[in-house]
Amino acid sequence: MSKNVLIHPAQTRQITTSTHDQVQIALAIADEPLLKSLLVNSTPPIAPPHRIGAISSTIGVPLASQKAVDGILSFESIYCVLADAPPEIDAKPVGSGAAGRNSQQREFARLTRCESELQTLGQSVPIAQAIALLNHAGFSTRHVEEILNLPYEAWHKSWWYAVDSLGHFTVPFLRLMRTLRYANGTLTLQYKDFFGQEKPICFKSQMQQVLIEIKTEPYSFHKTLQKINYSRAQLGIQKAILICDDAASSQHSVTDLEARGFISQNISLYLSSDLILPTQANCANCGTANCPLSGNDNSPVMMCHQFCLQAE
């Protein structure tokens, strides 16, 4: 190495950090949009963006065998959303006169012909938690106040949309909510749904988990699949994402045939290069081959994914 090159300790650590560690560090400190990209931009996608709520990651999750999985993504899978406006049948009659009113009544009856059992959103919760639950569901401040201050045996009516077979929020249903108040200041929020055919499976969303496996060893297809399946069986998680390199020459990449095999086993693929965070760079001291800015003293680049100190 040139005698004029001074190596910063942080740069030395970057050189010795493995790809596996770089990806795990990225997952550990990543913000929500980057974690969401794992679910949306993997192949095939785990979920569309409009059906993903809060998301978080847990790294190095231990197993009973004294081993650990690389990571787990936990995300809120949204199944129904509060309607911005009621469906037209509730907003205005179809047509005019008695015929229009009868048509409206028939459509309303068709959409609400089935009734769910009474369900509980929050049982004996403090008022602050009740407000948080209703805000998270999408209710406005005015509607939250109405729900929390309902007279005894009164119900709050709201229209919602559940997902259709294509995953879009297009199926309207009616939801009635009531509030039970107790002497200790706590509240119980209850609701029941009126729907046309399929009952909404939850109030708004359910938490789901996805196993994360980072391919940084030249394992065979069989060994990688065996490792993922063992972890899925131990943790009770069905979906998985395999993070691998995109370079065909890399020992951490997968072939087209292997990719088809993983996908057929309910394993999505994601490129590790999309996760590795950029590091502080100095192009004048960079030894990355085939980069037009390598060795450039006047480079404007401050951060780079491929920065590597030039060896002697």
C-alpha atoms as a PDB file:
ATOM      1  CA  MET A   1       0.000   0.000   0.000  1.00  0.00           C
ATOM      2  CA  SER A   2       1.173   3.510  -0.736  1.00  0.00           C
ATOM      3  CA  LYS A   3       2.955   5.182   2.185  1.00  0.00           C
ATOM      4  CA  ASN A   4       0.847   8.316   1.616  1.00  0.00           C
ATOM      5  CA  VAL A   5      -2.433   6.504   2.248  1.00  0.00           C
ATOM      6  CA  LEU A   6      -3.790   6.778   5.795  1.00  0.00           C
ATOM      7  CA  ILE A   7      -6.299   4.104   6.772  1.00  0.00           C
ATOM      8  CA  HIS A   8      -9.141   5.217   9.025  1.00  0.00           C
ATOM      9  CA  PRO A   9     -10.075   2.506  11.588  1.00  0.00           C
ATOM     10  CA  ALA A  10     -13.717   2.568  10.440  1.00  0.00           C
ATOM     11  CA  GLN A  11     -12.554   1.937   6.866  1.00  0.00           C
ATOM     12  CA  THR A  12     -10.468  -1.041   7.987  1.00  0.00           C
ATOM     13  CA  ARG A  13     -13.492  -2.551   9.677  1.00  0.00           C
ATOM     14  CA  GLN A  14     -15.524  -2.077   6.502  1.00  0.00           C
ATOM     15  CA  ILE A  15     -13.030  -4.150   4.473  1.00  0.00           C
ATOM     16  CA  THR A  16     -13.282  -7.118   6.828  1.00  0.00           C
ATOM     17  CA  THR A  17     -17.069  -6.989   7.222  1.00  0.00           C
ATOM     18  CA  SER A  18     -18.591  -9.955   5.429  1.00  0.00           C
ATOM     19  CA  THR A  19     -21.513  -9.654   3.035  1.00  0.00           C
ATOM     20  CA  HIS A  20     -23.621 -11.603   5.525  1.00  0.00           C
ATOM     21  CA  ASP A  21     -22.853  -9.095   8.289  1.00  0.00           C
ATOM     22  CA  GLN A  22     -23.399  -6.113   6.000  1.00  0.00           C
ATOM     23  CA  VAL A  23     -26.861  -7.381   5.059  1.00  0.00           C
ATOM     24  CA  GLN A  24     -27.757  -8.175   8.682  1.00  0.00           C
ATOM     25  CA  ILE A  25     -26.582  -4.719   9.807  1.00  0.00           C
ATOM     26  CA  ALA A  26     -28.695  -3.164   7.054  1.00  0.00           C
ATOM     27  CA  LEU A  27     -31.727  -5.155   8.222  1.00  0.00           C
ATOM     28  CA  ALA A  28     -31.093  -4.222  11.862  1.00  0.00           C
ATOM     29  CA  ILE A  29     -30.931  -0.453  11.269  1.00  0.00           C
ATOM     30  CA  ALA A  30     -33.108  -0.158   8.173  1.00  0.00           C
ATOM     31  CA  ASP A  31     -36.063   2.205   8.200  1.00  0.00           C
ATOM     32  CA  GLU A  32     -39.580   1.086   7.357  1.00  0.00           C
ATOM     33  CA  PRO A  33     -39.450   1.920   3.602  1.00  0.00           C
ATOM     34  CA  LEU A  34     -36.363  -0.244   3.092  1.00  0.00           C
ATOM     35  CA  LEU A  35     -37.892  -3.150   5.020  1.00  0.00           C
ATOM     36  CA  LYS A  36     -41.088  -2.713   3.020  1.00  0.00           C
ATOM     37  CA  SER A  37     -39.083  -3.044  -0.192  1.00  0.00           C
ATOM     38  CA  LEU A  38     -38.174  -6.585   0.858  1.00  0.00           C
ATOM     39  CA  LEU A  39     -41.853  -7.528   0.801  1.00  0.00           C
ATOM     40  CA  VAL A  40     -42.797  -5.528  -2.286  1.00  0.00           C
ATOM     41  CA  ASN A  41     -39.758  -5.962  -4.549  1.00  0.00           C
ATOM     42  CA  SER A  42     -38.884  -9.595  -3.879  1.00  0.00           C
ATOM     43  CA  THR A  43     -39.618 -12.175  -6.590  1.00  0.00           C
ATOM     44  CA  PRO A  44     -42.430 -13.037  -6.309  1.00  0.00           C
ATOM     45  CA  PRO A  45     -43.652 -10.204  -4.035  1.00  0.00           C
ATOM     46  CA  ILE A  46     -44.814 -11.170  -0.552  1.00  0.00           C
ATOM     47  CA  ALA A  47     -47.542  -8.501  -0.520  1.00  0.00           C
ATOM     48  CA  PRO A  48     -48.576  -5.413  -2.541  1.00  0.00           C
ATOM     49  CA  PRO A  49     -47.672  -2.038  -0.993  1.00  0.00           C
ATOM     50  CA  HIS A  50     -51.284  -0.958  -0.335  1.00  0.00           C
ATOM     51  CA  ARG A  51     -51.816  -3.988   1.921  1.00  0.00           C
ATOM     52  CA  ILE A  52     -48.752  -3.472   4.135  1.00  0.00           C
ATOM     53  CA  GLY A  53     -48.969  -1.487   7.359  1.00  0.00           C
ATOM     54  CA  ALA A  54     -46.385  -1.276  10.137  1.00  0.00           C
ATOM     55  CA  ILE A  55     -43.281  -3.427   9.648  1.00  0.00           C
ATOM     56  CA  SER A  56     -40.271  -4.364  11.796  1.00  0.00           C
ATOM     57  CA  SER A  57     -37.297  -6.739  11.696  1.00  0.00           C
ATOM     58  CA  THR A  58     -35.713  -9.064  14.236  1.00  0.00           C
ATOM     59  CA  ILE A  59     -32.171 -10.289  13.554  1.00  0.00           C
ATOM     60  CA  GLY A  60     -30.446 -13.498  14.683  1.00  0.00           C
ATOM     61  CA  VAL A  61     -33.540 -15.241  16.073  1.00  0.00           C
ATOM     62  CA  PRO A  62     -32.444 -18.319  18.094  1.00  0.00           C
ATOM     63  CA  LEU A  63     -33.797 -21.809  17.464  1.00  0.00           C
ATOM     64  CA  ALA A  64     -34.088 -24.729  19.857  1.00  0.00           C
ATOM     65  CA  SER A  65     -31.089 -26.387  18.179  1.00  0.00           C
ATOM     66  CA  GLN A  66     -28.802 -23.576  19.431  1.00  0.00           C
ATOM     67  CA  LYS A  67     -28.739 -22.236  15.902  1.00  0.00           C
ATOM     68  CA  ALA A  68     -30.259 -18.988  14.715  1.00  0.00           C
ATOM     69  CA  VAL A  69     -32.117 -17.754  11.654  1.00  0.00           C
ATOM     70  CA  ASP A  70     -30.759 -14.679   9.888  1.00  0.00           C
ATOM     71  CA  GLY A  71     -33.889 -12.635  10.495  1.00  0.00           C
ATOM     72  CA  ILE A  72     -37.670 -12.363  10.666  1.00  0.00           C
ATOM     73  CA  LEU A  73     -39.827  -9.621   9.183  1.00  0.00           C
ATOM     74  CA  SER A  74     -43.084  -8.922  11.038  1.00  0.00           C
ATOM     75  CA  PHE A  75     -45.638  -6.849   9.164  1.00  0.00           C
ATOM     76  CA  GLU A  76     -49.240  -5.757   9.381  1.00  0.00           C
ATOM     77  CA  SER A  77     -51.250  -7.338   6.555  1.00  0.00           C
ATOM     78  CA  ILE A  78     -54.289  -5.135   5.845  1.00  0.00           C
ATOM     79  CA  TYR A  79     -57.557  -6.870   4.918  1.00  0.00           C
ATOM     80  CA  CYS A  80     -60.087  -4.036   5.081  1.00  0.00           C
ATOM     81  CA  VAL A  81     -60.090  -0.239   5.185  1.00  0.00           C
ATOM     82  CA  LEU A  82     -62.493   2.433   6.345  1.00  0.00           C
ATOM     83  CA  ALA A  83     -64.360   3.965   3.393  1.00  0.00           C
ATOM     84  CA  ASP A  84     -63.672   7.629   2.642  1.00  0.00           C
ATOM     85  CA  ALA A  85     -67.339   7.997   1.719  1.00  0.00           C
ATOM     86  CA  PRO A  86     -70.349   5.674   1.990  1.00  0.00           C
ATOM     87  CA  PRO A  87     -71.268   3.589  -1.068  1.00  0.00           C
ATOM     88  CA  GLU A  88     -73.766   5.275  -3.394  1.00  0.00           C
ATOM     89  CA  ILE A  89     -76.636   3.173  -2.094  1.00  0.00           C
ATOM     90  CA  ASP A  90     -76.271   4.891   1.289  1.00  0.00           C
ATOM     91  CA  ALA A  91     -75.613   8.334  -0.127  1.00  0.00           C
ATOM     92  CA  LYS A  92     -78.501   8.828  -2.578  1.00  0.00           C
ATOM     93  CA  PRO A  93     -81.443   6.887  -4.042  1.00  0.00           C
ATOM     94  CA  VAL A  94     -81.056   5.139  -7.391  1.00  0.00           C
ATOM     95  CA  GLY A  95     -83.625   6.794  -9.615  1.00  0.00           C
ATOM     96  CA  SER A  96     -86.536   8.748  -8.182  1.00  0.00           C
ATOM     97  CA  GLY A  97     -89.780   8.099  -6.336  1.00  0.00           C
ATOM     98  CA  ALA A  98     -90.871   4.749  -4.900  1.00  0.00           C
ATOM     99  CA  ALA A  99     -89.050   2.750  -7.592  1.00  0.00           C
ATOM    100  CA  GLY A 100     -85.749   4.411  -6.722  1.00  0.00           C
ATOM    101  CA  ARG A 101     -86.214   3.849  -3.005  1.00  0.00           C
ATOM    102  CA  ASN A 102     -87.118   0.188  -3.545  1.00  0.00           C
ATOM    103  CA  SER A 103     -84.020  -0.302  -5.701  1.00  0.00           C
ATOM    104  CA  GLN A 104     -81.864   1.280  -3.009  1.00  0.00           C
ATOM    105  CA  GLN A 105     -83.397  -0.918  -0.314  1.00  0.00           C
ATOM    106  CA  ARG A 106     -82.810  -4.063  -2.361  1.00  0.00           C
ATOM    107  CA  GLU A 107     -79.160  -3.166  -2.928  1.00  0.00           C
ATOM    108  CA  PHE A 108     -78.671  -2.344   0.740  1.00  0.00           C
ATOM    109  CA  ALA A 109     -80.254  -5.673   1.729  1.00  0.00           C
ATOM    110  CA  ARG A 110     -78.002  -7.530  -0.716  1.00  0.00           C
ATOM    111  CA  LEU A 111     -74.834  -5.993   0.732  1.00  0.00           C
ATOM    112  CA  THR A 112     -75.853  -6.531   4.375  1.00  0.00           C
ATOM    113  CA  ARG A 113     -77.845  -9.790   4.263  1.00  0.00           C
ATOM    114  CA  CYS A 114     -75.363 -11.637   6.554  1.00  0.00           C
ATOM    115  CA  GLU A 115     -74.509 -10.654  10.129  1.00  0.00           C
ATOM    116  CA  SER A 116     -71.376 -11.580  12.060  1.00  0.00           C
ATOM    117  CA  GLU A 117     -71.204 -12.435  15.734  1.00  0.00           C
ATOM    118  CA  LEU A 118     -70.443  -9.675  18.224  1.00  0.00           C
ATOM    119  CA  GLN A 119     -66.672  -9.165  18.423  1.00  0.00           C
ATOM    120  CA  THR A 120     -64.370  -7.204  20.724  1.00  0.00           C
ATOM    121  CA  LEU A 121     -61.763  -4.724  19.525  1.00  0.00           C
ATOM    122  CA  GLY A 122     -60.554  -3.710  23.004  1.00  0.00           C
ATOM    123  CA  GLN A 123     -61.502  -5.278  26.339  1.00  0.00           C
ATOM    124  CA  SER A 124     -61.420  -3.020  29.427  1.00  0.00           C
ATOM    125  CA  VAL A 125     -58.769  -0.716  27.948  1.00  0.00           C
ATOM    126  CA  PRO A 126     -57.790   2.777  29.140  1.00  0.00           C
ATOM    127  CA  ILE A 127     -59.280   5.618  27.124  1.00  0.00           C
ATOM    128  CA  ALA A 128     -55.876   6.478  25.615  1.00  0.00           C
ATOM    129  CA  GLN A 129     -55.542   2.946  24.231  1.00  0.00           C
ATOM    130  CA  ALA A 130     -59.107   3.032  22.904  1.00  0.00           C
ATOM    131  CA  ILE A 131     -58.344   6.280  21.078  1.00  0.00           C
ATOM    132  CA  ALA A 132     -55.152   4.758  19.631  1.00  0.00           C
ATOM    133  CA  LEU A 133     -57.068   1.702  18.372  1.00  0.00           C
ATOM    134  CA  LEU A 134     -59.682   3.832  16.635  1.00  0.00           C
ATOM    135  CA  ASN A 135     -57.116   6.241  15.187  1.00  0.00           C
ATOM    136  CA  HIS A 136     -55.117   3.318  13.799  1.00  0.00           C
ATOM    137  CA  ALA A 137     -58.269   2.012  12.117  1.00  0.00           C
ATOM    138  CA  GLY A 138     -58.617   5.320  10.274  1.00  0.00           C
ATOM    139  CA  PHE A 139     -61.421   7.056  12.187  1.00  0.00           C
ATOM    140  CA  SER A 140     -61.273  10.848  12.268  1.00  0.00           C
ATOM    141  CA  THR A 141     -61.060  12.745  15.545  1.00  0.00           C
ATOM    142  CA  ARG A 142     -64.753  13.612  15.306  1.00  0.00           C
ATOM    143  CA  HIS A 143     -65.795  10.010  14.759  1.00  0.00           C
ATOM    144  CA  VAL A 144     -63.540   8.808  17.594  1.00  0.00           C
ATOM    145  CA  GLU A 145     -65.300  11.215  19.945  1.00  0.00           C
ATOM    146  CA  GLU A 146     -68.691  10.013  18.709  1.00  0.00           C
ATOM    147  CA  ILE A 147     -67.798   6.347  19.286  1.00  0.00           C
ATOM    148  CA  LEU A 148     -66.378   6.933  22.755  1.00  0.00           C
ATOM    149  CA  ASN A 149     -69.383   9.017  23.848  1.00  0.00           C
ATOM    150  CA  LEU A 150     -72.222   6.899  22.452  1.00  0.00           C
ATOM    151  CA  PRO A 151     -75.360   6.692  24.615  1.00  0.00           C
ATOM    152  CA  TYR A 152     -76.111   3.348  26.270  1.00  0.00           C
ATOM    153  CA  GLU A 153     -77.068   0.678  23.689  1.00  0.00           C
ATOM    154  CA  ALA A 154     -76.424   3.084  20.781  1.00  0.00           C
ATOM    155  CA  TRP A 155     -74.301   1.999  17.766  1.00  0.00           C
ATOM    156  CA  HIS A 156     -71.973   3.909  15.469  1.00  0.00           C
ATOM    157  CA  LYS A 157     -72.389   3.005  11.782  1.00  0.00           C
ATOM    158  CA  SER A 158     -69.518   3.068   9.264  1.00  0.00           C
ATOM    159  CA  TRP A 159     -68.898   1.634   5.793  1.00  0.00           C
ATOM    160  CA  TRP A 160     -65.731  -0.327   5.027  1.00  0.00           C
ATOM    161  CA  TYR A 161     -64.155  -2.075   2.049  1.00  0.00           C
ATOM    162  CA  ALA A 162     -62.740  -5.592   2.204  1.00  0.00           C
ATOM    163  CA  VAL A 163     -60.296  -7.044  -0.329  1.00  0.00           C
ATOM    164  CA  ASP A 164     -61.603  -8.778  -3.440  1.00  0.00           C
ATOM    165  CA  SER A 165     -60.072 -11.809  -5.159  1.00  0.00           C
ATOM    166  CA  LEU A 166     -57.427  -9.548  -6.762  1.00  0.00           C
ATOM    167  CA  GLY A 167     -56.405  -7.984  -3.442  1.00  0.00           C
ATOM    168  CA  HIS A 168     -58.111  -4.625  -4.042  1.00  0.00           C
ATOM    169  CA  PHE A 169     -60.400  -2.882  -1.549  1.00  0.00           C
ATOM    170  CA  THR A 170     -63.681  -3.032  -3.476  1.00  0.00           C
ATOM    171  CA  VAL A 171     -66.136  -5.120  -1.393  1.00  0.00           C
ATOM    172  CA  PRO A 172     -68.328  -2.860   0.800  1.00  0.00           C
ATOM    173  CA  PHE A 173     -69.681  -3.938   4.169  1.00  0.00           C
ATOM    174  CA  LEU A 174     -71.390  -2.196   7.065  1.00  0.00           C
ATOM    175  CA  ARG A 175     -69.850  -2.123  10.542  1.00  0.00           C
ATOM    176  CA  LEU A 176     -71.627  -1.205  13.769  1.00  0.00           C
ATOM    177  CA  MET A 177     -69.652  -0.288  16.874  1.00  0.00           C
ATOM    178  CA  ARG A 178     -70.587   0.361  20.488  1.00  0.00           C
ATOM    179  CA  THR A 179     -68.743   1.404  23.650  1.00  0.00           C
ATOM    180  CA  LEU A 180     -69.181  -0.065  27.124  1.00  0.00           C
ATOM    181  CA  ARG A 181     -67.946   2.190  29.934  1.00  0.00           C
ATOM    182  CA  TYR A 182     -66.934   1.004  33.408  1.00  0.00           C
ATOM    183  CA  ALA A 183     -66.689   2.744  36.775  1.00  0.00           C
ATOM    184  CA  ASN A 184     -62.880   2.415  36.828  1.00  0.00           C
ATOM    185  CA  GLY A 185     -62.616   4.572  33.695  1.00  0.00           C
ATOM    186  CA  THR A 186     -61.843   1.770  31.237  1.00  0.00           C
ATOM    187  CA  LEU A 187     -63.744   1.019  28.024  1.00  0.00           C
ATOM    188  CA  THR A 188     -64.680  -2.007  25.952  1.00  0.00           C
ATOM    189  CA  LEU A 189     -65.065  -1.532  22.200  1.00  0.00           C
ATOM    190  CA  GLN A 190     -67.327  -4.044  20.428  1.00  0.00           C
ATOM    191  CA  TYR A 191     -68.425  -4.385  16.813  1.00  0.00           C
ATOM    192  CA  LYS A 192     -70.354  -6.564  14.388  1.00  0.00           C
ATOM    193  CA  ASP A 193     -70.336  -6.598  10.605  1.00  0.00           C
ATOM    194  CA  PHE A 194     -73.126  -6.853   8.041  1.00  0.00           C
ATOM    195  CA  PHE A 195     -71.888  -8.198   4.726  1.00  0.00           C
ATOM    196  CA  GLY A 196     -73.065  -9.707   1.480  1.00  0.00           C
ATOM    197  CA  GLN A 197     -71.179 -13.006   1.268  1.00  0.00           C
ATOM    198  CA  GLU A 198     -67.777 -13.375   2.948  1.00  0.00           C
ATOM    199  CA  LYS A 199     -67.284 -12.226   6.535  1.00  0.00           C
ATOM    200  CA  PRO A 200     -64.299  -9.898   7.109  1.00  0.00           C
ATOM    201  CA  ILE A 201     -61.591 -11.968   8.792  1.00  0.00           C
ATOM    202  CA  CYS A 202     -60.426  -9.218  11.165  1.00  0.00           C
ATOM    203  CA  PHE A 203     -61.137  -5.662  12.254  1.00  0.00           C
ATOM    204  CA  LYS A 204     -58.525  -4.167   9.927  1.00  0.00           C
ATOM    205  CA  SER A 205     -55.326  -6.223   9.760  1.00  0.00           C
ATOM    206  CA  GLN A 206     -53.414  -9.241  11.028  1.00  0.00           C
ATOM    207  CA  MET A 207     -49.719  -9.592  11.819  1.00  0.00           C
ATOM    208  CA  GLN A 208     -47.727 -11.910   9.560  1.00  0.00           C
ATOM    209  CA  GLN A 209     -44.110 -13.055   9.617  1.00  0.00           C
ATOM    210  CA  VAL A 210     -41.587 -13.829   6.895  1.00  0.00           C
ATOM    211  CA  LEU A 211     -38.371 -15.776   7.419  1.00  0.00           C
ATOM    212  CA  ILE A 212     -35.167 -14.146   6.093  1.00  0.00           C
ATOM    213  CA  GLU A 213     -32.265 -16.308   4.884  1.00  0.00           C
ATOM    214  CA  ILE A 214     -29.039 -14.681   3.610  1.00  0.00           C
ATOM    215  CA  LYS A 215     -27.147 -16.781   1.069  1.00  0.00           C
ATOM    216  CA  THR A 216     -23.492 -16.042   1.783  1.00  0.00           C
ATOM    217  CA  GLU A 217     -22.116 -19.558   1.610  1.00  0.00           C
ATOM    218  CA  PRO A 218     -21.693 -21.712  -1.521  1.00  0.00           C
ATOM    219  CA  TYR A 219     -24.387 -24.111  -0.318  1.00  0.00           C
ATOM    220  CA  SER A 220     -26.101 -26.393  -2.803  1.00  0.00           C
ATOM    221  CA  PHE A 221     -29.758 -25.892  -3.652  1.00  0.00           C
ATOM    222  CA  HIS A 222     -30.648 -28.906  -1.490  1.00  0.00           C
ATOM    223  CA  LYS A 223     -28.754 -27.666   1.580  1.00  0.00           C
ATOM    224  CA  THR A 224     -30.132 -24.111   1.310  1.00  0.00           C
ATOM    225  CA  LEU A 225     -33.689 -25.390   0.936  1.00  0.00           C
ATOM    226  CA  GLN A 226     -33.204 -27.836   3.809  1.00  0.00           C
ATOM    227  CA  LYS A 227     -31.977 -25.027   6.079  1.00  0.00           C
ATOM    228  CA  ILE A 228     -34.930 -22.765   5.209  1.00  0.00           C
ATOM    229  CA  ASN A 229     -37.484 -25.555   5.640  1.00  0.00           C
ATOM    230  CA  TYR A 230     -36.033 -26.532   9.015  1.00  0.00           C
ATOM    231  CA  SER A 231     -36.262 -22.934  10.241  1.00  0.00           C
ATOM    232  CA  ARG A 232     -39.804 -22.562   8.909  1.00  0.00           C
ATOM    233  CA  ALA A 233     -40.903 -25.744  10.658  1.00  0.00           C
ATOM    234  CA  GLN A 234     -39.288 -24.695  13.948  1.00  0.00           C
ATOM    235  CA  LEU A 235     -40.835 -21.211  13.908  1.00  0.00           C
ATOM    236  CA  GLY A 236     -44.172 -21.995  12.261  1.00  0.00           C
ATOM    237  CA  ILE A 237     -43.584 -19.488   9.452  1.00  0.00           C
ATOM    238  CA  GLN A 238     -44.727 -20.326   5.924  1.00  0.00           C
ATOM    239  CA  LYS A 239     -43.263 -17.550   3.762  1.00  0.00           C
ATOM    240  CA  ALA A 240     -39.538 -16.928   3.331  1.00  0.00           C
ATOM    241  CA  ILE A 241     -37.197 -14.564   1.475  1.00  0.00           C
ATOM    242  CA  LEU A 242     -33.766 -15.690   0.277  1.00  0.00           C
ATOM    243  CA  ILE A 243     -31.349 -12.755  -0.063  1.00  0.00           C
ATOM    244  CA  CYS A 244     -28.672 -13.555  -2.660  1.00  0.00           C
ATOM    245  CA  ASP A 245     -26.223 -11.895  -5.046  1.00  0.00           C
ATOM    246  CA  ASP A 246     -27.201 -10.886  -8.561  1.00  0.00           C
ATOM    247  CA  ALA A 247     -23.789 -11.538 -10.119  1.00  0.00           C
ATOM    248  CA  ALA A 248     -23.743 -14.804 -12.053  1.00  0.00           C
ATOM    249  CA  SER A 249     -20.081 -15.336 -11.210  1.00  0.00           C
ATOM    250  CA  SER A 250     -20.660 -14.996  -7.474  1.00  0.00           C
ATOM    251  CA  GLN A 251     -20.781 -18.092  -5.288  1.00  0.00           C
ATOM    252  CA  HIS A 252     -23.641 -16.448  -3.393  1.00  0.00           C
ATOM    253  CA  SER A 253     -25.921 -16.119  -6.429  1.00  0.00           C
ATOM    254  CA  VAL A 254     -28.506 -18.615  -7.684  1.00  0.00           C
ATOM    255  CA  THR A 255     -29.015 -19.946 -11.203  1.00  0.00           C
ATOM    256  CA  ASP A 256     -32.253 -19.444 -13.124  1.00  0.00           C
ATOM    257  CA  LEU A 257     -33.145 -23.088 -12.529  1.00  0.00           C
ATOM    258  CA  GLU A 258     -32.472 -22.776  -8.777  1.00  0.00           C
ATOM    259  CA  ALA A 259     -34.553 -19.587  -8.654  1.00  0.00           C
ATOM    260  CA  ARG A 260     -37.506 -21.431 -10.186  1.00  0.00           C
ATOM    261  CA  GLY A 261     -37.035 -24.207  -7.638  1.00  0.00           C
ATOM    262  CA  PHE A 262     -37.003 -21.824  -4.663  1.00  0.00           C
ATOM    263  CA  ILE A 263     -40.052 -19.934  -5.939  1.00  0.00           C
ATOM    264  CA  SER A 264     -41.975 -23.194  -6.360  1.00  0.00           C
ATOM    265  CA  GLN A 265     -41.293 -23.891  -2.665  1.00  0.00           C
ATOM    266  CA  ASN A 266     -42.859 -20.586  -1.569  1.00  0.00           C
ATOM    267  CA  ILE A 267     -39.499 -18.829  -1.207  1.00  0.00           C
ATOM    268  CA  SER A 268     -39.088 -15.349  -2.693  1.00  0.00           C
ATOM    269  CA  LEU A 269     -35.742 -13.967  -3.889  1.00  0.00           C
ATOM    270  CA  TYR A 270     -34.202 -10.559  -3.184  1.00  0.00           C
ATOM    271  CA  LEU A 271     -30.879  -9.039  -4.297  1.00  0.00           C
ATOM    272  CA  SER A 272     -28.378  -8.357  -1.525  1.00  0.00           C
ATOM    273  CA  SER A 273     -27.021  -5.335  -3.428  1.00  0.00           C
ATOM    274  CA  ASP A 274     -30.349  -3.569  -2.785  1.00  0.00           C
ATOM    275  CA  LEU A 275     -29.836  -3.918   0.977  1.00  0.00           C
ATOM    276  CA  ILE A 276     -26.142  -3.243   1.619  1.00  0.00           C
ATOM    277  CA  LEU A 277     -25.838   0.315   2.911  1.00  0.00           C
ATOM    278  CA  PRO A 278     -23.346   2.754   1.338  1.00  0.00           C
ATOM    279  CA  THR A 279     -20.197   3.638   3.270  1.00  0.00           C
ATOM    280  CA  GLN A 280     -18.065   6.765   3.429  1.00  0.00           C
ATOM    281  CA  ALA A 281     -15.968   6.785   0.278  1.00  0.00           C
ATOM    282  CA  ASN A 282     -12.774   8.366  -1.060  1.00  0.00           C
ATOM    283  CA  CYS A 283     -12.437   7.654  -4.770  1.00  0.00           C
ATOM    284  CA  ALA A 284      -8.757   8.627  -4.745  1.00  0.00           C
ATOM    285  CA  ASN A 285      -8.001   5.620  -2.506  1.00  0.00           C
ATOM    286  CA  CYS A 286     -10.577   3.209  -3.960  1.00  0.00           C
ATOM    287  CA  GLY A 287      -9.450  -0.006  -5.621  1.00  0.00           C
ATOM    288  CA  THR A 288     -12.807  -1.049  -7.115  1.00  0.00           C
ATOM    289  CA  ALA A 289     -12.105  -2.357 -10.591  1.00  0.00           C
ATOM    290  CA  ASN A 290     -13.899  -0.983 -13.668  1.00  0.00           C
ATOM    291  CA  CYS A 291     -15.167   2.126 -11.836  1.00  0.00           C
ATOM    292  CA  PRO A 292     -14.507   5.293 -13.909  1.00  0.00           C
ATOM    293  CA  LEU A 293     -14.033   7.363 -10.732  1.00  0.00           C
ATOM    294  CA  SER A 294     -11.494   5.039  -9.105  1.00  0.00           C
ATOM    295  CA  GLY A 295      -8.325   7.022  -8.300  1.00  0.00           C
ATOM    296  CA  ASN A 296     -10.022  10.356  -9.033  1.00  0.00           C
ATOM    297  CA  ASP A 297      -8.809  13.046  -6.586  1.00  0.00           C
ATOM    298  CA  ASN A 298     -11.679  15.383  -7.525  1.00  0.00           C
ATOM    299  CA  SER A 299     -14.577  12.939  -7.329  1.00  0.00           C
ATOM    300  CA  PRO A 300     -17.780  14.390  -5.817  1.00  0.00           C
ATOM    301  CA  VAL A 301     -18.824  10.973  -4.443  1.00  0.00           C
ATOM    302  CA  MET A 302     -19.119  10.943  -0.654  1.00  0.00           C
ATOM    303  CA  MET A 303     -20.938   7.612  -0.066  1.00  0.00           C
ATOM    304  CA  CYS A 304     -20.688   4.444  -2.131  1.00  0.00           C
ATOM    305  CA  HIS A 305     -21.885   0.833  -1.999  1.00  0.00           C
ATOM    306  CA  GLN A 306     -18.678  -0.499  -3.650  1.00  0.00           C
ATOM    307  CA  PHE A 307     -15.943   1.507  -1.914  1.00  0.00           C
ATOM    308  CA  CYS A 308     -12.892  -0.600  -1.176  1.00  0.00           C
ATOM    309  CA  LEU A 309      -9.456   0.668  -0.098  1.00  0.00           C
ATOM    310  CA  GLN A 310      -6.808   0.130  -2.718  1.00  0.00           C
ATOM    311  CA  ALA A 311      -4.308  -2.561  -1.842  1.00  0.00           C
ATOM    312  CA  GLU A 312      -0.593  -2.113  -2.507  1.00  0.00           C
END
